[in-house]
Amino acid sequence: MIRKRFFWVAVTLQVVVLLFMVTSSYMLDRFGQVITIQTEAFNAEEVFYGDYVHLSYSAEEVRPENWFASDEVSSNQLIYVLLTPDEEGIFRLKAASDREMSVEGDDVMLQARYRYQDNNQIHQIDLGLERYHPHTEQQEELEFSESRMLVTIALSPWGQKKIVEVESVGVEQ
């Protein structure tokens, strides 16, 4: 009798986990907050590795005045990134730390991974949103573009994030 109950509890738990995995992306579209961030200009010859676009964000470079982490941050450590919207509604880096920060007003906080600190004391982080699989119609436009891009991202209250759209907006000066 106990084995039978354990079996049904295990099966039910597996079904619930699978349903959550399948519906989490759809729930992100419905309940997620949508923000727009900017990519850096990129070399069109290095854009596609397979069938996706490699994106590099200006928010992935943290200057010393925006860095509020301890001195002992190691590679791949979890970093909290605070973004704030500018007058155009594009979210820019406000602060980064190895501890959670308070979110005020329209600010949003993302989780990222620490990469390294370069010779100019700029900290490199990874937002985890560097790959975008464009639609067939959009693939040719992005493949030969050397412009900056605006990336629309959906953020869930439970920490999940995904790229919704990538838009080419003009040549980087």
C-alpha atoms as a PDB file:
ATOM      1  CA  MET A   1       0.000   0.000   0.000  1.00  0.00           C
ATOM      2  CA  ILE A   2       2.831   2.419   0.853  1.00  0.00           C
ATOM      3  CA  ARG A   3       4.658   1.518  -2.363  1.00  0.00           C
ATOM      4  CA  LYS A   4       1.553   2.266  -4.418  1.00  0.00           C
ATOM      5  CA  ARG A   5       1.129   5.699  -2.803  1.00  0.00           C
ATOM      6  CA  PHE A   6       4.815   6.472  -3.263  1.00  0.00           C
ATOM      7  CA  PHE A   7       4.532   5.499  -6.930  1.00  0.00           C
ATOM      8  CA  TRP A   8       1.572   7.850  -7.526  1.00  0.00           C
ATOM      9  CA  VAL A   9       3.238  10.690  -5.634  1.00  0.00           C
ATOM     10  CA  ALA A  10       6.383  10.259  -7.756  1.00  0.00           C
ATOM     11  CA  VAL A  11       4.396  10.176 -11.008  1.00  0.00           C
ATOM     12  CA  THR A  12       2.355  13.243 -10.001  1.00  0.00           C
ATOM     13  CA  LEU A  13       5.480  15.165  -9.051  1.00  0.00           C
ATOM     14  CA  GLN A  14       7.105  14.381 -12.403  1.00  0.00           C
ATOM     15  CA  VAL A  15       4.003  15.524 -14.304  1.00  0.00           C
ATOM     16  CA  VAL A  16       3.891  18.780 -12.326  1.00  0.00           C
ATOM     17  CA  VAL A  17       7.575  19.487 -13.014  1.00  0.00           C
ATOM     18  CA  LEU A  18       7.128  18.781 -16.729  1.00  0.00           C
ATOM     19  CA  LEU A  19       4.060  21.019 -16.923  1.00  0.00           C
ATOM     20  CA  PHE A  20       5.974  23.828 -15.222  1.00  0.00           C
ATOM     21  CA  MET A  21       8.862  23.456 -17.662  1.00  0.00           C
ATOM     22  CA  VAL A  22       6.534  23.535 -20.661  1.00  0.00           C
ATOM     23  CA  THR A  23       4.404  26.466 -19.493  1.00  0.00           C
ATOM     24  CA  SER A  24       7.118  28.661 -17.920  1.00  0.00           C
ATOM     25  CA  SER A  25       8.038  30.253 -21.261  1.00  0.00           C
ATOM     26  CA  TYR A  26       4.394  31.037 -21.996  1.00  0.00           C
ATOM     27  CA  MET A  27       3.902  32.401 -18.478  1.00  0.00           C
ATOM     28  CA  LEU A  28       6.960  34.598 -19.018  1.00  0.00           C
ATOM     29  CA  ASP A  29       5.290  36.146 -22.075  1.00  0.00           C
ATOM     30  CA  ARG A  30       2.088  36.758 -20.137  1.00  0.00           C
ATOM     31  CA  PHE A  31       3.359  37.883 -16.722  1.00  0.00           C
ATOM     32  CA  GLY A  32       6.889  39.060 -17.503  1.00  0.00           C
ATOM     33  CA  GLN A  33       8.114  42.642 -17.495  1.00  0.00           C
ATOM     34  CA  VAL A  34       9.394  43.761 -20.894  1.00  0.00           C
ATOM     35  CA  ILE A  35      12.496  45.954 -21.155  1.00  0.00           C
ATOM     36  CA  THR A  36      14.737  47.125 -23.997  1.00  0.00           C
ATOM     37  CA  ILE A  37      18.526  47.193 -23.842  1.00  0.00           C
ATOM     38  CA  GLN A  38      21.163  48.126 -26.414  1.00  0.00           C
ATOM     39  CA  THR A  39      23.811  45.957 -28.008  1.00  0.00           C
ATOM     40  CA  GLU A  40      27.256  47.058 -29.033  1.00  0.00           C
ATOM     41  CA  ALA A  41      28.114  47.328 -32.719  1.00  0.00           C
ATOM     42  CA  PHE A  42      29.381  44.040 -34.115  1.00  0.00           C
ATOM     43  CA  ASN A  43      31.323  42.687 -37.058  1.00  0.00           C
ATOM     44  CA  ALA A  44      28.929  41.097 -39.553  1.00  0.00           C
ATOM     45  CA  GLU A  45      31.484  38.426 -40.488  1.00  0.00           C
ATOM     46  CA  GLU A  46      31.435  37.105 -36.926  1.00  0.00           C
ATOM     47  CA  VAL A  47      27.686  37.343 -36.350  1.00  0.00           C
ATOM     48  CA  PHE A  48      26.450  33.859 -37.185  1.00  0.00           C
ATOM     49  CA  TYR A  49      27.762  30.706 -35.605  1.00  0.00           C
ATOM     50  CA  GLY A  50      25.287  28.244 -36.990  1.00  0.00           C
ATOM     51  CA  ASP A  51      21.853  29.818 -37.178  1.00  0.00           C
ATOM     52  CA  TYR A  52      21.956  32.382 -34.390  1.00  0.00           C
ATOM     53  CA  VAL A  53      23.186  35.943 -33.868  1.00  0.00           C
ATOM     54  CA  HIS A  54      25.808  36.565 -31.187  1.00  0.00           C
ATOM     55  CA  LEU A  55      24.865  39.694 -29.188  1.00  0.00           C
ATOM     56  CA  SER A  56      27.146  41.789 -26.986  1.00  0.00           C
ATOM     57  CA  TYR A  57      25.510  44.307 -24.649  1.00  0.00           C
ATOM     58  CA  SER A  58      26.857  47.632 -23.425  1.00  0.00           C
ATOM     59  CA  ALA A  59      25.499  46.660 -19.979  1.00  0.00           C
ATOM     60  CA  GLU A  60      28.003  43.778 -19.836  1.00  0.00           C
ATOM     61  CA  GLU A  61      30.878  46.206 -19.256  1.00  0.00           C
ATOM     62  CA  VAL A  62      30.821  47.546 -15.705  1.00  0.00           C
ATOM     63  CA  ARG A  63      32.983  50.594 -14.994  1.00  0.00           C
ATOM     64  CA  PRO A  64      34.565  50.962 -11.542  1.00  0.00           C
ATOM     65  CA  GLU A  65      32.091  53.696 -10.492  1.00  0.00           C
ATOM     66  CA  ASN A  66      29.194  51.244 -11.068  1.00  0.00           C
ATOM     67  CA  TRP A  67      30.889  48.262  -9.386  1.00  0.00           C
ATOM     68  CA  PHE A  68      29.810  47.627  -5.785  1.00  0.00           C
ATOM     69  CA  ALA A  69      31.052  44.074  -5.261  1.00  0.00           C
ATOM     70  CA  SER A  70      33.662  42.780  -2.864  1.00  0.00           C
ATOM     71  CA  ASP A  71      37.276  42.435  -3.997  1.00  0.00           C
ATOM     72  CA  GLU A  72      37.133  38.633  -4.085  1.00  0.00           C
ATOM     73  CA  VAL A  73      34.765  37.982  -6.981  1.00  0.00           C
ATOM     74  CA  SER A  74      35.584  34.835  -8.903  1.00  0.00           C
ATOM     75  CA  SER A  75      34.864  33.867 -12.478  1.00  0.00           C
ATOM     76  CA  ASN A  76      31.316  32.561 -13.076  1.00  0.00           C
ATOM     77  CA  GLN A  77      30.096  33.934  -9.720  1.00  0.00           C
ATOM     78  CA  LEU A  78      26.504  35.192  -9.553  1.00  0.00           C
ATOM     79  CA  ILE A  79      26.295  38.982  -9.973  1.00  0.00           C
ATOM     80  CA  TYR A  80      23.234  41.207  -9.579  1.00  0.00           C
ATOM     81  CA  VAL A  81      22.876  43.912 -12.225  1.00  0.00           C
ATOM     82  CA  LEU A  82      20.654  46.947 -11.676  1.00  0.00           C
ATOM     83  CA  LEU A  83      19.329  48.570 -14.864  1.00  0.00           C
ATOM     84  CA  THR A  84      17.504  51.877 -15.124  1.00  0.00           C
ATOM     85  CA  PRO A  85      15.642  53.386 -18.111  1.00  0.00           C
ATOM     86  CA  ASP A  86      16.936  56.507 -19.840  1.00  0.00           C
ATOM     87  CA  GLU A  87      14.740  59.202 -21.414  1.00  0.00           C
ATOM     88  CA  GLU A  88      14.225  56.996 -24.507  1.00  0.00           C
ATOM     89  CA  GLY A  89      13.111  53.992 -22.430  1.00  0.00           C
ATOM     90  CA  ILE A  90      16.288  52.021 -23.089  1.00  0.00           C
ATOM     91  CA  PHE A  91      17.581  50.333 -19.946  1.00  0.00           C
ATOM     92  CA  ARG A  92      21.195  51.150 -19.048  1.00  0.00           C
ATOM     93  CA  LEU A  93      23.518  49.808 -16.380  1.00  0.00           C
ATOM     94  CA  LYS A  94      23.166  51.591 -13.051  1.00  0.00           C
ATOM     95  CA  ALA A  95      25.092  49.274 -10.719  1.00  0.00           C
ATOM     96  CA  ALA A  96      26.443  45.751 -10.332  1.00  0.00           C
ATOM     97  CA  SER A  97      27.205  43.843  -7.138  1.00  0.00           C
ATOM     98  CA  ASP A  98      27.673  40.381  -5.718  1.00  0.00           C
ATOM     99  CA  ARG A  99      24.795  41.148  -3.319  1.00  0.00           C
ATOM    100  CA  GLU A 100      21.163  41.907  -4.116  1.00  0.00           C
ATOM    101  CA  MET A 101      20.375  45.617  -4.340  1.00  0.00           C
ATOM    102  CA  SER A 102      17.154  47.494  -3.697  1.00  0.00           C
ATOM    103  CA  VAL A 103      15.054  48.213  -6.784  1.00  0.00           C
ATOM    104  CA  GLU A 104      13.471  51.670  -6.931  1.00  0.00           C
ATOM    105  CA  GLY A 105      10.987  53.134  -9.396  1.00  0.00           C
ATOM    106  CA  ASP A 106      11.324  51.732 -12.917  1.00  0.00           C
ATOM    107  CA  ASP A 107      14.650  50.007 -12.204  1.00  0.00           C
ATOM    108  CA  VAL A 108      14.987  46.259 -12.773  1.00  0.00           C
ATOM    109  CA  MET A 109      17.468  43.749 -11.438  1.00  0.00           C
ATOM    110  CA  LEU A 110      18.927  40.896 -13.487  1.00  0.00           C
ATOM    111  CA  GLN A 111      21.160  38.043 -12.499  1.00  0.00           C
ATOM    112  CA  ALA A 112      24.388  37.676 -14.462  1.00  0.00           C
ATOM    113  CA  ARG A 113      27.687  35.811 -14.247  1.00  0.00           C
ATOM    114  CA  TYR A 114      31.048  37.431 -13.598  1.00  0.00           C
ATOM    115  CA  ARG A 115      33.689  36.904 -16.289  1.00  0.00           C
ATOM    116  CA  TYR A 116      36.840  38.902 -15.490  1.00  0.00           C
ATOM    117  CA  GLN A 117      38.355  42.342 -14.915  1.00  0.00           C
ATOM    118  CA  ASP A 118      40.375  43.788 -17.792  1.00  0.00           C
ATOM    119  CA  ASN A 119      43.483  46.007 -17.683  1.00  0.00           C
ATOM    120  CA  ASN A 120      41.335  49.177 -17.657  1.00  0.00           C
ATOM    121  CA  GLN A 121      39.626  48.050 -14.409  1.00  0.00           C
ATOM    122  CA  ILE A 122      36.387  47.361 -16.317  1.00  0.00           C
ATOM    123  CA  HIS A 123      34.519  44.298 -15.096  1.00  0.00           C
ATOM    124  CA  GLN A 124      33.120  42.012 -17.785  1.00  0.00           C
ATOM    125  CA  ILE A 125      29.896  40.160 -16.968  1.00  0.00           C
ATOM    126  CA  ASP A 126      27.610  37.798 -18.882  1.00  0.00           C
ATOM    127  CA  LEU A 127      23.873  38.521 -18.899  1.00  0.00           C
ATOM    128  CA  GLY A 128      23.179  35.090 -20.382  1.00  0.00           C
ATOM    129  CA  LEU A 129      21.324  36.541 -23.356  1.00  0.00           C
ATOM    130  CA  GLU A 130      23.987  36.469 -26.061  1.00  0.00           C
ATOM    131  CA  ARG A 131      22.274  34.115 -28.518  1.00  0.00           C
ATOM    132  CA  TYR A 132      19.288  35.059 -30.626  1.00  0.00           C
ATOM    133  CA  HIS A 133      17.714  32.780 -33.221  1.00  0.00           C
ATOM    134  CA  PRO A 134      16.151  35.144 -35.786  1.00  0.00           C
ATOM    135  CA  HIS A 135      13.142  34.366 -37.922  1.00  0.00           C
ATOM    136  CA  THR A 136      13.942  33.475 -41.533  1.00  0.00           C
ATOM    137  CA  GLU A 137      12.820  36.901 -42.802  1.00  0.00           C
ATOM    138  CA  GLN A 138      14.935  38.708 -40.211  1.00  0.00           C
ATOM    139  CA  GLN A 139      18.039  36.538 -40.661  1.00  0.00           C
ATOM    140  CA  GLU A 140      19.285  38.261 -43.839  1.00  0.00           C
ATOM    141  CA  GLU A 141      18.699  41.747 -42.390  1.00  0.00           C
ATOM    142  CA  LEU A 142      20.709  40.986 -39.251  1.00  0.00           C
ATOM    143  CA  GLU A 143      23.430  38.997 -41.015  1.00  0.00           C
ATOM    144  CA  PHE A 144      24.743  41.988 -42.968  1.00  0.00           C
ATOM    145  CA  SER A 145      23.982  44.668 -40.411  1.00  0.00           C
ATOM    146  CA  GLU A 146      26.796  46.527 -38.692  1.00  0.00           C
ATOM    147  CA  SER A 147      24.451  48.732 -36.706  1.00  0.00           C
ATOM    148  CA  ARG A 148      23.633  48.860 -33.063  1.00  0.00           C
ATOM    149  CA  MET A 149      20.566  46.917 -32.103  1.00  0.00           C
ATOM    150  CA  LEU A 150      17.835  47.212 -29.538  1.00  0.00           C
ATOM    151  CA  VAL A 151      16.946  43.958 -27.837  1.00  0.00           C
ATOM    152  CA  THR A 152      13.569  43.490 -26.173  1.00  0.00           C
ATOM    153  CA  ILE A 153      13.746  41.136 -23.204  1.00  0.00           C
ATOM    154  CA  ALA A 154      10.994  39.619 -21.062  1.00  0.00           C
ATOM    155  CA  LEU A 155      11.813  39.204 -17.354  1.00  0.00           C
ATOM    156  CA  SER A 156       9.806  37.021 -15.005  1.00  0.00           C
ATOM    157  CA  PRO A 157       9.281  37.631 -11.297  1.00  0.00           C
ATOM    158  CA  TRP A 158      10.945  34.241 -10.645  1.00  0.00           C
ATOM    159  CA  GLY A 159      14.220  35.215 -12.413  1.00  0.00           C
ATOM    160  CA  GLN A 160      13.782  33.741 -15.882  1.00  0.00           C
ATOM    161  CA  LYS A 161      14.605  35.932 -18.888  1.00  0.00           C
ATOM    162  CA  LYS A 162      14.399  35.578 -22.654  1.00  0.00           C
ATOM    163  CA  ILE A 163      14.913  37.611 -25.797  1.00  0.00           C
ATOM    164  CA  VAL A 164      11.630  38.586 -27.414  1.00  0.00           C
ATOM    165  CA  GLU A 165      12.832  40.683 -30.352  1.00  0.00           C
ATOM    166  CA  VAL A 166      15.980  42.150 -31.902  1.00  0.00           C
ATOM    167  CA  GLU A 167      15.723  45.331 -33.940  1.00  0.00           C
ATOM    168  CA  SER A 168      18.437  47.050 -35.993  1.00  0.00           C
ATOM    169  CA  VAL A 169      18.307  50.818 -35.370  1.00  0.00           C
ATOM    170  CA  GLY A 170      21.205  52.452 -37.209  1.00  0.00           C
ATOM    171  CA  VAL A 171      24.932  52.592 -37.690  1.00  0.00           C
ATOM    172  CA  GLU A 172      27.015  53.022 -34.550  1.00  0.00           C
ATOM    173  CA  GLN A 173      29.058  56.225 -34.568  1.00  0.00           C
END
